[in-house]
Amino acid sequence: MKINVHYFAAVREALGRDAETLETQAPTLAALRDELIARGEPYAAALARGKAVRAALDRAMQDEGAALHEDAEVAFFPPVTGG
């Protein structure tokens, strides 16, 4: 499925990009995060397990068990972001 992923604050800075469109078979936010980490650097460092990273799905905060769907809008960001 095709999804749109947005990165904010320190995650965006570490990746050097603010968004991308991906093809994925990841069923959940957790699986997507693991898929991105498996890409290696800089994703592995920016989204590492144990690192405080929040996720939103379709502009609503979600836990990592939330199910992805075609054309989902996903965002990854640190727990506190500035304006």
Protein backbone atom coordinates (compact mmCIF):
# COMPACT_ATOMS: atom_id res chain seq x y z
CA MET A 1 0.00 0.00 0.00
CA LYS A 2 1.06 3.58 -0.55
CA ILE A 3 1.35 5.87 2.48
CA ASN A 4 2.62 9.38 3.12
CA VAL A 5 5.12 9.80 5.95
CA HIS A 6 6.01 13.15 7.51
CA TYR A 7 8.93 13.82 9.85
CA PHE A 8 9.06 16.70 12.32
CA ALA A 9 11.59 18.49 14.53
CA ALA A 10 14.69 16.43 15.47
CA VAL A 11 13.52 13.45 13.40
CA ARG A 12 13.31 15.66 10.30
CA GLU A 13 16.72 17.15 11.01
CA ALA A 14 18.32 13.71 11.45
CA LEU A 15 16.81 12.38 8.22
CA GLY A 16 17.37 15.51 6.17
CA ARG A 17 13.84 15.36 4.79
CA ASP A 18 10.40 16.37 5.92
CA ALA A 19 8.26 13.84 4.04
CA GLU A 20 8.19 10.93 1.63
CA THR A 21 5.70 8.62 -0.03
CA LEU A 22 6.36 4.94 0.59
CA GLU A 23 5.15 1.56 -0.61
CA THR A 24 4.82 -0.71 2.40
CA GLN A 25 3.19 -3.90 3.56
CA ALA A 26 3.55 -2.87 7.21
CA PRO A 27 0.22 -3.54 8.94
CA THR A 28 0.79 -1.17 11.89
CA LEU A 29 2.70 1.92 12.93
CA ALA A 30 5.11 -0.30 14.89
CA ALA A 31 5.84 -2.43 11.84
CA LEU A 32 6.37 0.70 9.73
CA ARG A 33 8.81 2.11 12.29
CA ASP A 34 10.72 -1.19 12.28
CA GLU A 35 10.76 -1.19 8.47
CA LEU A 36 12.22 2.32 8.43
CA ILE A 37 14.81 1.42 11.09
CA ALA A 38 15.86 -1.56 8.94
CA ARG A 39 16.81 0.87 6.15
CA GLY A 40 19.92 1.67 8.21
CA GLU A 41 21.34 5.11 8.84
CA PRO A 42 20.07 7.76 9.31
CA TYR A 43 16.65 6.10 9.94
CA ALA A 44 18.11 3.61 12.44
CA ALA A 45 19.37 6.42 14.68
CA ALA A 46 16.42 8.79 14.27
CA LEU A 47 13.71 6.18 14.95
CA ALA A 48 15.62 3.72 17.17
CA ARG A 49 13.67 1.65 19.67
CA GLY A 50 14.18 3.09 23.12
CA LYS A 51 14.26 6.59 21.66
CA ALA A 52 11.27 8.79 22.48
CA VAL A 53 9.40 9.10 19.19
CA ARG A 54 5.66 9.73 18.92
CA ALA A 55 3.46 8.79 15.98
CA ALA A 56 0.27 10.13 14.48
CA LEU A 57 -2.00 8.50 11.94
CA ASP A 58 -4.26 10.70 9.84
CA ARG A 59 -3.45 13.66 12.11
CA ALA A 60 -4.44 11.91 15.35
CA MET A 61 -2.04 10.65 18.00
CA GLN A 62 -1.96 6.86 18.02
CA ASP A 63 -0.17 4.06 19.78
CA GLU A 64 2.08 1.89 17.63
CA GLY A 65 -0.58 -0.80 17.31
CA ALA A 66 -2.72 1.41 15.06
CA ALA A 67 -3.48 -0.20 11.70
CA LEU A 68 -2.22 1.42 8.51
CA HIS A 69 -4.36 1.75 5.38
CA GLU A 70 -3.94 2.85 1.76
CA ASP A 71 -3.09 6.56 1.52
CA ALA A 72 -2.59 6.87 5.28
CA GLU A 73 -0.85 9.99 6.53
CA VAL A 74 1.75 9.08 9.16
CA ALA A 75 3.87 11.49 11.19
CA PHE A 76 6.88 10.76 13.42
CA PHE A 77 8.14 13.37 15.88
CA PRO A 78 9.77 13.75 19.31
CA PRO A 79 7.36 14.00 22.28
CA VAL A 80 7.75 17.78 22.53
CA THR A 81 7.99 19.99 19.48
CA GLY A 82 8.24 23.75 19.29
CA GLY A 83 6.28 26.09 17.06
